[in-house]
C-alpha atoms as a PDB file:
ATOM      1  CA  MET A   1    -156.143   2.626 219.014  1.00  0.00           C
ATOM      2  CA  LYS A   2    -157.366   3.769 216.196  1.00  0.00           C
ATOM      3  CA  ILE A   3    -160.814   1.629 215.487  1.00  0.00           C
ATOM      4  CA  ALA A   4    -162.630   1.109 211.962  1.00  0.00           C
ATOM      5  CA  ILE A   5    -166.364   0.373 212.441  1.00  0.00           C
ATOM      6  CA  ALA A   6    -167.383  -0.761 209.234  1.00  0.00           C
ATOM      7  CA  SER A   7    -169.567  -2.568 207.245  1.00  0.00           C
ATOM      8  CA  GLY A   8    -170.240  -4.743 204.139  1.00  0.00           C
ATOM      9  CA  LYS A   9    -172.786  -2.681 203.257  1.00  0.00           C
ATOM     10  CA  GLY A  10    -174.550   0.738 203.849  1.00  0.00           C
ATOM     11  CA  GLY A  11    -177.926   0.486 206.487  1.00  0.00           C
ATOM     12  CA  THR A  12    -176.647  -2.357 208.475  1.00  0.00           C
ATOM     13  CA  GLY A  13    -176.350  -0.199 211.264  1.00  0.00           C
ATOM     14  CA  LYS A  14    -172.476   0.759 211.514  1.00  0.00           C
ATOM     15  CA  THR A  15    -172.736   4.541 212.164  1.00  0.00           C
ATOM     16  CA  THR A  16    -175.767   3.724 215.274  1.00  0.00           C
ATOM     17  CA  VAL A  17    -172.984   1.679 216.715  1.00  0.00           C
ATOM     18  CA  ALA A  18    -169.582   3.954 216.163  1.00  0.00           C
ATOM     19  CA  ALA A  19    -172.491   6.509 218.351  1.00  0.00           C
ATOM     20  CA  ALA A  20    -173.012   4.015 220.543  1.00  0.00           C
ATOM     21  CA  LEU A  21    -169.215   3.380 221.360  1.00  0.00           C
ATOM     22  CA  MET A  22    -168.134   6.994 221.588  1.00  0.00           C
ATOM     23  CA  SER A  23    -171.358   7.256 224.551  1.00  0.00           C
ATOM     24  CA  VAL A  24    -169.811   4.418 226.997  1.00  0.00           C
ATOM     25  CA  TRP A  25    -165.615   4.120 226.171  1.00  0.00           C
ATOM     26  CA  GLY A  26    -164.536   7.323 228.163  1.00  0.00           C
ATOM     27  CA  SER A  27    -162.706  10.328 227.858  1.00  0.00           C
ATOM     28  CA  SER A  28    -160.248   9.241 226.338  1.00  0.00           C
ATOM     29  CA  ALA A  29    -161.839   8.895 223.148  1.00  0.00           C
ATOM     30  CA  VAL A  30    -162.019  10.379 219.531  1.00  0.00           C
ATOM     31  CA  ALA A  31    -164.920  10.427 216.943  1.00  0.00           C
ATOM     32  CA  VAL A  32    -163.917  10.485 213.549  1.00  0.00           C
ATOM     33  CA  ASP A  33    -166.617  10.351 210.359  1.00  0.00           C
ATOM     34  CA  LEU A  34    -164.662   9.197 207.960  1.00  0.00           C
ATOM     35  CA  ASP A  35    -167.812   8.152 205.199  1.00  0.00           C
ATOM     36  CA  VAL A  36    -167.357  11.561 203.722  1.00  0.00           C
ATOM     37  CA  GLU A  37    -169.794  11.054 200.634  1.00  0.00           C
ATOM     38  CA  GLU A  38    -172.590  10.942 203.099  1.00  0.00           C
ATOM     39  CA  PRO A  39    -171.124  11.934 206.807  1.00  0.00           C
ATOM     40  CA  ASN A  40    -174.040  10.735 209.331  1.00  0.00           C
ATOM     41  CA  LEU A  41    -172.158  10.124 212.878  1.00  0.00           C
ATOM     42  CA  HIS A  42    -173.069  14.259 213.584  1.00  0.00           C
ATOM     43  CA  LEU A  43    -176.542  13.641 213.529  1.00  0.00           C
ATOM     44  CA  PHE A  44    -176.431  11.552 216.668  1.00  0.00           C
ATOM     45  CA  LEU A  45    -173.631  12.844 218.752  1.00  0.00           C
ATOM     46  CA  HIS A  46    -174.674  16.757 217.616  1.00  0.00           C
ATOM     47  CA  PRO A  47    -171.272  18.027 217.868  1.00  0.00           C
ATOM     48  CA  GLU A  48    -169.864  21.582 218.524  1.00  0.00           C
ATOM     49  CA  ILE A  49    -168.022  22.524 215.538  1.00  0.00           C
ATOM     50  CA  THR A  50    -166.024  24.946 216.290  1.00  0.00           C
ATOM     51  CA  ASP A  51    -163.416  25.064 213.050  1.00  0.00           C
ATOM     52  CA  SER A  52    -163.464  23.990 209.789  1.00  0.00           C
ATOM     53  CA  ILE A  53    -161.001  23.720 207.279  1.00  0.00           C
ATOM     54  CA  PRO A  54    -161.102  23.225 203.271  1.00  0.00           C
ATOM     55  CA  ALA A  55    -158.338  21.084 202.342  1.00  0.00           C
ATOM     56  CA  ALA A  56    -157.241  20.809 198.878  1.00  0.00           C
ATOM     57  CA  MET A  57    -154.707  17.624 196.599  1.00  0.00           C
ATOM     58  CA  GLU A  58    -151.922  18.655 194.938  1.00  0.00           C
ATOM     59  CA  ILE A  59    -151.668  18.558 190.960  1.00  0.00           C
ATOM     60  CA  PRO A  60    -149.403  19.243 188.183  1.00  0.00           C
ATOM     61  CA  ILE A  61    -149.307  22.908 186.799  1.00  0.00           C
ATOM     62  CA  VAL A  62    -147.310  22.493 183.566  1.00  0.00           C
ATOM     63  CA  ASP A  63    -145.014  25.050 181.846  1.00  0.00           C
ATOM     64  CA  GLU A  64    -145.484  24.984 177.935  1.00  0.00           C
ATOM     65  CA  GLU A  65    -142.319  27.499 178.241  1.00  0.00           C
ATOM     66  CA  LYS A  66    -140.054  24.593 179.664  1.00  0.00           C
ATOM     67  CA  CYS A  67    -141.354  21.227 178.533  1.00  0.00           C
ATOM     68  CA  THR A  68    -139.363  19.924 175.359  1.00  0.00           C
ATOM     69  CA  TYR A  69    -142.927  16.914 175.247  1.00  0.00           C
ATOM     70  CA  CYS A  70    -140.387  14.015 176.252  1.00  0.00           C
ATOM     71  CA  ARG A  71    -143.606  11.988 177.476  1.00  0.00           C
ATOM     72  CA  LYS A  72    -142.137  10.894 180.903  1.00  0.00           C
ATOM     73  CA  CYS A  73    -144.960  12.087 182.646  1.00  0.00           C
ATOM     74  CA  SER A  74    -147.434  11.324 180.885  1.00  0.00           C
ATOM     75  CA  ASP A  75    -145.465   7.300 181.180  1.00  0.00           C
ATOM     76  CA  LEU A  76    -145.596   7.662 183.769  1.00  0.00           C
ATOM     77  CA  CYS A  77    -149.006   8.702 184.746  1.00  0.00           C
ATOM     78  CA  GLN A  78    -151.007   5.648 185.062  1.00  0.00           C
ATOM     79  CA  PHE A  79    -154.216   7.851 185.919  1.00  0.00           C
ATOM     80  CA  LYS A  80    -153.279   9.750 182.610  1.00  0.00           C
ATOM     81  CA  ALA A  81    -153.982  13.064 184.643  1.00  0.00           C
ATOM     82  CA  ILE A  82    -151.099  14.481 182.504  1.00  0.00           C
ATOM     83  CA  SER A  83    -151.298  13.402 178.636  1.00  0.00           C
ATOM     84  CA  VAL A  84    -148.458  14.822 175.569  1.00  0.00           C
ATOM     85  CA  PHE A  85    -149.929  14.387 171.670  1.00  0.00           C
ATOM     86  CA  GLY A  86    -146.987  15.477 169.904  1.00  0.00           C
ATOM     87  CA  GLU A  87    -146.306  18.880 170.787  1.00  0.00           C
ATOM     88  CA  VAL A  88    -149.219  19.733 173.212  1.00  0.00           C
ATOM     89  CA  ILE A  89    -149.951  18.485 177.034  1.00  0.00           C
ATOM     90  CA  MET A  90    -152.576  18.473 178.236  1.00  0.00           C
ATOM     91  CA  THR A  91    -153.279  17.951 182.366  1.00  0.00           C
ATOM     92  CA  PHE A  92    -156.990  16.194 183.508  1.00  0.00           C
ATOM     93  CA  PRO A  93    -157.304  17.301 187.038  1.00  0.00           C
ATOM     94  CA  GLU A  94    -160.049  15.559 187.952  1.00  0.00           C
ATOM     95  CA  MET A  95    -158.417  12.037 187.413  1.00  0.00           C
ATOM     96  CA  CYS A  96    -154.862  12.976 189.060  1.00  0.00           C
ATOM     97  CA  HIS A  97    -154.488  11.316 192.454  1.00  0.00           C
ATOM     98  CA  GLY A  98    -151.787  13.504 193.507  1.00  0.00           C
ATOM     99  CA  CYS A  99    -148.664  11.333 193.454  1.00  0.00           C
ATOM    100  CA  GLY A 100    -146.129  13.613 193.111  1.00  0.00           C
ATOM    101  CA  GLY A 101    -144.568  11.441 190.209  1.00  0.00           C
ATOM    102  CA  CYS A 102    -144.749  13.920 187.543  1.00  0.00           C
ATOM    103  CA  MET A 103    -142.794  16.465 189.522  1.00  0.00           C
ATOM    104  CA  LEU A 104    -139.810  14.541 190.839  1.00  0.00           C
ATOM    105  CA  ILE A 105    -139.576  12.706 186.466  1.00  0.00           C
ATOM    106  CA  CYS A 106    -139.522  15.822 184.629  1.00  0.00           C
ATOM    107  CA  PRO A 107    -136.112  16.495 183.408  1.00  0.00           C
ATOM    108  CA  GLU A 108    -136.798  20.287 182.540  1.00  0.00           C
ATOM    109  CA  SER A 109    -138.749  20.547 185.792  1.00  0.00           C
ATOM    110  CA  ALA A 110    -141.561  22.248 183.967  1.00  0.00           C
ATOM    111  CA  ILE A 111    -144.474  20.742 186.307  1.00  0.00           C
ATOM    112  CA  THR A 112    -145.111  22.954 189.419  1.00  0.00           C
ATOM    113  CA  SER A 113    -147.990  22.036 191.885  1.00  0.00           C
ATOM    114  CA  GLY A 114    -151.149  23.330 191.936  1.00  0.00           C
ATOM    115  CA  LYS A 115    -154.310  22.656 193.769  1.00  0.00           C
ATOM    116  CA  ARG A 116    -157.733  20.788 193.916  1.00  0.00           C
ATOM    117  CA  GLU A 117    -160.573  21.386 195.779  1.00  0.00           C
ATOM    118  CA  LEU A 118    -161.177  17.699 198.028  1.00  0.00           C
ATOM    119  CA  GLY A 119    -163.974  19.105 199.830  1.00  0.00           C
ATOM    120  CA  ASP A 120    -163.774  20.718 203.950  1.00  0.00           C
ATOM    121  CA  ILE A 121    -163.442  19.294 207.229  1.00  0.00           C
ATOM    122  CA  SER A 122    -165.016  19.585 210.603  1.00  0.00           C
ATOM    123  CA  ILE A 123    -163.489  19.884 213.754  1.00  0.00           C
ATOM    124  CA  GLY A 124    -165.499  20.279 216.771  1.00  0.00           C
ATOM    125  CA  THR A 125    -166.338  18.456 219.981  1.00  0.00           C
ATOM    126  CA  SER A 126    -169.078  16.154 221.271  1.00  0.00           C
ATOM    127  CA  LEU A 127    -170.005  14.720 224.754  1.00  0.00           C
ATOM    128  CA  GLY A 128    -166.780  16.323 225.526  1.00  0.00           C
ATOM    129  CA  MET A 129    -164.376  14.717 223.042  1.00  0.00           C
ATOM    130  CA  PRO A 130    -162.881  15.108 220.188  1.00  0.00           C
ATOM    131  CA  PHE A 131    -164.606  15.123 216.921  1.00  0.00           C
ATOM    132  CA  PHE A 132    -163.307  15.407 213.182  1.00  0.00           C
ATOM    133  CA  MET A 133    -165.648  15.154 209.948  1.00  0.00           C
ATOM    134  CA  GLY A 134    -165.051  15.279 206.282  1.00  0.00           C
ATOM    135  CA  ARG A 135    -167.711  16.430 203.619  1.00  0.00           C
ATOM    136  CA  LEU A 136    -166.482  15.805 200.313  1.00  0.00           C
ATOM    137  CA  ARG A 137    -166.855  18.766 197.355  1.00  0.00           C
ATOM    138  CA  ILE A 138    -169.592  18.046 195.082  1.00  0.00           C
ATOM    139  CA  GLY A 139    -168.803  16.631 191.892  1.00  0.00           C
ATOM    140  CA  GLU A 140    -165.292  15.236 193.120  1.00  0.00           C
ATOM    141  CA  ALA A 141    -165.347  12.012 192.513  1.00  0.00           C
ATOM    142  CA  MET A 142    -162.492  10.593 194.740  1.00  0.00           C
ATOM    143  CA  SER A 143    -162.931  10.526 198.469  1.00  0.00           C
ATOM    144  CA  PRO A 144    -159.572   8.840 199.616  1.00  0.00           C
ATOM    145  CA  PRO A 145    -157.775  11.747 199.449  1.00  0.00           C
ATOM    146  CA  LEU A 146    -159.852  14.222 201.598  1.00  0.00           C
ATOM    147  CA  MET A 147    -159.963  10.757 203.975  1.00  0.00           C
ATOM    148  CA  ARG A 148    -156.652  11.189 204.375  1.00  0.00           C
ATOM    149  CA  ALA A 149    -156.702  14.335 204.809  1.00  0.00           C
ATOM    150  CA  VAL A 150    -159.030  14.243 207.506  1.00  0.00           C
ATOM    151  CA  LEU A 151    -156.295  12.188 209.213  1.00  0.00           C
ATOM    152  CA  ASP A 152    -154.280  14.232 209.110  1.00  0.00           C
ATOM    153  CA  VAL A 153    -155.897  16.697 211.262  1.00  0.00           C
ATOM    154  CA  VAL A 154    -156.729  14.768 213.976  1.00  0.00           C
ATOM    155  CA  GLU A 155    -152.946  13.112 214.311  1.00  0.00           C
ATOM    156  CA  GLY A 156    -152.133  16.463 214.317  1.00  0.00           C
ATOM    157  CA  ARG A 157    -154.185  18.021 216.649  1.00  0.00           C
ATOM    158  CA  VAL A 158    -154.631  14.908 219.276  1.00  0.00           C
ATOM    159  CA  GLY A 159    -152.080  12.920 217.796  1.00  0.00           C
ATOM    160  CA  ALA A 160    -149.957  13.044 220.984  1.00  0.00           C
ATOM    161  CA  LYS A 161    -152.464  12.832 223.196  1.00  0.00           C
ATOM    162  CA  THR A 162    -153.316   9.109 224.513  1.00  0.00           C
ATOM    163  CA  CYS A 163    -156.323   8.480 223.008  1.00  0.00           C
ATOM    164  CA  ASP A 164    -158.469   6.277 221.294  1.00  0.00           C
ATOM    165  CA  ILE A 165    -160.160   6.758 217.492  1.00  0.00           C
ATOM    166  CA  ILE A 166    -163.689   5.696 216.858  1.00  0.00           C
ATOM    167  CA  ILE A 167    -163.629   5.868 213.044  1.00  0.00           C
ATOM    168  CA  ASP A 168    -167.373   5.450 210.987  1.00  0.00           C
ATOM    169  CA  ALA A 169    -165.775   4.116 208.000  1.00  0.00           C
ATOM    170  CA  PRO A 170    -167.503   4.830 204.449  1.00  0.00           C
ATOM    171  CA  PRO A 171    -169.977   0.865 204.028  1.00  0.00           C
ATOM    172  CA  GLY A 172    -168.745  -1.374 201.377  1.00  0.00           C
ATOM    173  CA  VAL A 173    -165.330  -3.304 200.178  1.00  0.00           C
ATOM    174  CA  SER A 174    -164.541  -0.298 197.560  1.00  0.00           C
ATOM    175  CA  CYS A 175    -160.938   2.002 197.567  1.00  0.00           C
ATOM    176  CA  PRO A 176    -163.355   4.151 200.565  1.00  0.00           C
ATOM    177  CA  ALA A 177    -163.767   1.144 202.863  1.00  0.00           C
ATOM    178  CA  VAL A 178    -160.291  -0.504 202.163  1.00  0.00           C
ATOM    179  CA  THR A 179    -158.313   3.113 202.918  1.00  0.00           C
ATOM    180  CA  ALA A 180    -160.387   3.483 206.340  1.00  0.00           C
ATOM    181  CA  ALA A 181    -159.292  -0.411 207.351  1.00  0.00           C
ATOM    182  CA  MET A 182    -155.935  -0.048 206.073  1.00  0.00           C
ATOM    183  CA  GLU A 183    -155.291   3.308 208.645  1.00  0.00           C
ATOM    184  CA  CYS A 184    -156.362   1.125 211.579  1.00  0.00           C
ATOM    185  CA  ASP A 185    -155.472  -0.873 214.205  1.00  0.00           C
ATOM    186  CA  ALA A 186    -158.581  -3.472 214.418  1.00  0.00           C
ATOM    187  CA  VAL A 187    -161.671  -3.728 212.385  1.00  0.00           C
ATOM    188  CA  VAL A 188    -165.570  -4.562 213.970  1.00  0.00           C
ATOM    189  CA  LEU A 189    -168.219  -5.300 210.958  1.00  0.00           C
ATOM    190  CA  VAL A 190    -171.645  -4.096 211.958  1.00  0.00           C
ATOM    191  CA  THR A 191    -173.925  -7.405 209.531  1.00  0.00           C
ATOM    192  CA  GLU A 192    -177.574  -7.961 209.909  1.00  0.00           C
ATOM    193  CA  PRO A 193    -178.695 -11.704 210.510  1.00  0.00           C
ATOM    194  CA  THR A 194    -180.204 -11.604 206.562  1.00  0.00           C
ATOM    195  CA  PRO A 195    -179.524 -12.860 203.106  1.00  0.00           C
ATOM    196  CA  PHE A 196    -177.648  -9.801 201.818  1.00  0.00           C
ATOM    197  CA  GLY A 197    -176.403  -9.172 204.939  1.00  0.00           C
ATOM    198  CA  VAL A 198    -174.195 -12.685 205.578  1.00  0.00           C
ATOM    199  CA  TYR A 199    -173.673 -11.793 201.408  1.00  0.00           C
ATOM    200  CA  ASP A 200    -171.943  -8.825 202.011  1.00  0.00           C
ATOM    201  CA  LEU A 201    -170.104  -9.616 205.165  1.00  0.00           C
ATOM    202  CA  LYS A 202    -168.501 -12.403 203.466  1.00  0.00           C
ATOM    203  CA  LEU A 203    -167.649  -9.388 201.403  1.00  0.00           C
ATOM    204  CA  ALA A 204    -165.628  -7.392 203.323  1.00  0.00           C
ATOM    205  CA  TRP A 205    -164.203 -10.768 205.530  1.00  0.00           C
ATOM    206  CA  GLU A 206    -162.279 -11.275 202.301  1.00  0.00           C
ATOM    207  CA  ALA A 207    -161.321  -7.331 201.463  1.00  0.00           C
ATOM    208  CA  PHE A 208    -160.227  -7.046 205.270  1.00  0.00           C
ATOM    209  CA  SER A 209    -158.583  -9.936 206.394  1.00  0.00           C
ATOM    210  CA  LYS A 210    -156.092  -9.579 203.914  1.00  0.00           C
ATOM    211  CA  LEU A 211    -154.955  -6.218 206.173  1.00  0.00           C
ATOM    212  CA  GLY A 212    -154.175  -8.864 208.976  1.00  0.00           C
ATOM    213  CA  LYS A 213    -155.711  -6.688 211.362  1.00  0.00           C
ATOM    214  CA  PRO A 214    -157.823  -7.965 214.258  1.00  0.00           C
ATOM    215  CA  MET A 215    -161.035  -7.814 212.971  1.00  0.00           C
ATOM    216  CA  GLY A 216    -164.544  -8.498 215.116  1.00  0.00           C
ATOM    217  CA  VAL A 217    -168.392  -8.269 214.556  1.00  0.00           C
ATOM    218  CA  VAL A 218    -171.329  -6.973 215.732  1.00  0.00           C
ATOM    219  CA  VAL A 219    -174.799  -8.221 214.666  1.00  0.00           C
ATOM    220  CA  ASN A 220    -177.268  -5.487 214.195  1.00  0.00           C
ATOM    221  CA  ARG A 221    -180.671  -6.576 214.486  1.00  0.00           C
ATOM    222  CA  ALA A 222    -180.541  -9.731 216.126  1.00  0.00           C
ATOM    223  CA  GLY A 223    -183.948 -12.407 216.250  1.00  0.00           C
ATOM    224  CA  ILE A 224    -184.694 -11.546 212.304  1.00  0.00           C
ATOM    225  CA  GLY A 225    -183.877 -13.782 209.508  1.00  0.00           C
ATOM    226  CA  ASP A 226    -181.512 -16.430 209.711  1.00  0.00           C
ATOM    227  CA  ASP A 227    -178.292 -17.991 211.030  1.00  0.00           C
ATOM    228  CA  GLY A 228    -176.640 -17.548 208.222  1.00  0.00           C
ATOM    229  CA  VAL A 229    -173.877 -14.848 209.352  1.00  0.00           C
ATOM    230  CA  TYR A 230    -173.532 -17.374 212.564  1.00  0.00           C
ATOM    231  CA  ALA A 231    -172.459 -20.177 210.592  1.00  0.00           C
ATOM    232  CA  PHE A 232    -170.223 -18.144 208.892  1.00  0.00           C
ATOM    233  CA  CYS A 233    -168.982 -16.120 211.563  1.00  0.00           C
ATOM    234  CA  ARG A 234    -167.877 -20.334 213.536  1.00  0.00           C
ATOM    235  CA  GLU A 235    -166.097 -20.713 209.788  1.00  0.00           C
ATOM    236  CA  SER A 236    -164.513 -18.139 209.104  1.00  0.00           C
ATOM    237  CA  LYS A 237    -163.032 -17.911 213.437  1.00  0.00           C
ATOM    238  CA  LEU A 238    -164.553 -14.438 213.502  1.00  0.00           C
ATOM    239  CA  ASP A 239    -165.446 -13.395 217.052  1.00  0.00           C
ATOM    240  CA  ILE A 240    -168.896 -12.156 217.246  1.00  0.00           C
ATOM    241  CA  LEU A 241    -168.251  -9.173 219.564  1.00  0.00           C
ATOM    242  CA  ALA A 242    -172.587  -8.131 220.103  1.00  0.00           C
ATOM    243  CA  GLU A 243    -176.415  -8.788 219.293  1.00  0.00           C
ATOM    244  CA  ILE A 244    -177.826  -5.826 219.886  1.00  0.00           C
ATOM    245  CA  LEU A 245    -181.712  -7.443 219.269  1.00  0.00           C
ATOM    246  CA  TYR A 246    -183.526  -5.942 217.080  1.00  0.00           C
ATOM    247  CA  GLU A 247    -186.032  -3.938 218.516  1.00  0.00           C
ATOM    248  CA  ARG A 248    -188.716  -0.739 217.651  1.00  0.00           C
ATOM    249  CA  ARG A 249    -187.609   1.313 220.887  1.00  0.00           C
ATOM    250  CA  ILE A 250    -184.127   1.538 219.138  1.00  0.00           C
ATOM    251  CA  ALA A 251    -185.399   2.310 215.834  1.00  0.00           C
ATOM    252  CA  GLU A 252    -187.626   4.905 217.184  1.00  0.00           C
ATOM    253  CA  ALA A 253    -184.269   6.309 219.420  1.00  0.00           C
ATOM    254  CA  TYR A 254    -182.173   6.178 215.677  1.00  0.00           C
ATOM    255  CA  SER A 255    -185.376   8.335 214.044  1.00  0.00           C
ATOM    256  CA  ARG A 256    -184.782  10.978 216.394  1.00  0.00           C
ATOM    257  CA  GLY A 257    -180.965  10.864 216.651  1.00  0.00           C
ATOM    258  CA  ASP A 258    -180.392   9.737 219.698  1.00  0.00           C
ATOM    259  CA  ILE A 259    -177.462   7.611 220.978  1.00  0.00           C
ATOM    260  CA  ILE A 260    -179.427   3.708 221.232  1.00  0.00           C
ATOM    261  CA  THR A 261    -177.412   3.159 225.021  1.00  0.00           C
ATOM    262  CA  GLY A 262    -180.618   5.499 225.980  1.00  0.00           C
ATOM    263  CA  VAL A 263    -182.680   3.165 225.431  1.00  0.00           C
ATOM    264  CA  SER A 264    -182.354   0.886 228.174  1.00  0.00           C
ATOM    265  CA  PRO A 265    -179.366  -0.179 231.087  1.00  0.00           C
ATOM    266  CA  ALA A 266    -179.230  -3.246 228.810  1.00  0.00           C
ATOM    267  CA  LEU A 267    -178.043  -2.356 225.995  1.00  0.00           C
ATOM    268  CA  LYS A 268    -176.060   0.539 227.668  1.00  0.00           C
ATOM    269  CA  GLN A 269    -174.133  -2.723 229.157  1.00  0.00           C
ATOM    270  CA  THR A 270    -174.121  -4.414 225.417  1.00  0.00           C
ATOM    271  CA  PHE A 271    -172.077  -1.628 224.682  1.00  0.00           C
ATOM    272  CA  GLU A 272    -169.971  -1.359 227.383  1.00  0.00           C
ATOM    273  CA  SER A 273    -169.194  -4.848 226.755  1.00  0.00           C
ATOM    274  CA  LEU A 274    -168.330  -4.582 223.904  1.00  0.00           C
ATOM    275  CA  ALA A 275    -165.827  -1.204 223.777  1.00  0.00           C
ATOM    276  CA  SER A 276    -164.336  -3.275 227.057  1.00  0.00           C
ATOM    277  CA  ARG A 277    -163.793  -6.604 224.165  1.00  0.00           C
ATOM    278  CA  ILE A 278    -162.744  -3.749 221.077  1.00  0.00           C
ATOM    279  CA  LYS A 279    -160.145  -2.732 224.061  1.00  0.00           C
ATOM    280  CA  GLN A 280    -158.453  -6.197 224.202  1.00  0.00           C
ATOM    281  CA  PHE A 281    -157.297  -5.503 220.314  1.00  0.00           C
ATOM    282  CA  ASN A 282    -154.603  -2.967 221.772  1.00  0.00           C
ATOM    283  CA  GLN A 283    -153.148  -5.740 223.637  1.00  0.00           C
ATOM    284  CA  THR A 284    -153.362  -8.448 220.378  1.00  0.00           C
ATOM    285  CA  VAL A 285    -151.389  -5.210 218.193  1.00  0.00           C
ATOM    286  CA  GLU A 286    -149.304  -4.845 220.621  1.00  0.00           C
ATOM    287  CA  GLU A 287    -148.097  -8.203 221.042  1.00  0.00           C
ATOM    288  CA  SER A 288    -148.018  -7.866 216.757  1.00  0.00           C
ATOM    289  CA  CYS A 289    -145.865  -5.123 216.833  1.00  0.00           C
ATOM    290  CA  HIS A 290    -143.328  -6.759 219.211  1.00  0.00           C
ATOM    291  CA  ALA A 291    -143.638 -10.266 217.483  1.00  0.00           C
END
């Protein structure tokens, strides 16, 4: 089962929760940092990186000697990554989404495949379990292609094994966050009991609920703010899977890059209970698959 640890906004404690879950999940877990624009799960899991591979995506290369300027490629491309102006054809690699449609539709086979660097994928181990992390190339505008490349590597390395994949997803509800949620079997939303927290939780629920996946909420910094988050969860029939109290000890552990399950036995038990409840999602997923 793939589980996305997501949030409506940054700073709610999403990565803290993902790292803590890894520490209590058991030997069948895999950690994946898909927040490729600003990966930071490694700051808590301290993985031993054993391999790093480049990631690239397919972009069009045009042979102008074969091109008849028929415009079929330009008319197809919604992102205007390839355009025809009279008898001039131009490609804009940074705008290409890598669908390959222009290569398929060209009647003269004048378009072949080139490559655009996306970033790199780090592979290693943490807590005795596999760890994967994507890091977007500086200047690269699109993160979903790299995210999918990371998941392809994960599938190639551990896909045949019986394991659960814990994904630290990008924050927010834009394309990267939705891409992560779409690739997962269940979504855990991390929020905080503040006006900003409940506002962005609503956005996340509206975005991810349409995917039809099991979803629950972790309330971080419980005890501050107001009860708006709890009221929204009741109205939306969202289960609150766990509450993490607002404590100075947790902030101190976070500042040191420590996994917070080491703060106290009670907090470790909270995450063990959270892991158990998330694993129950697997039954829901299996039932929906057999329905």
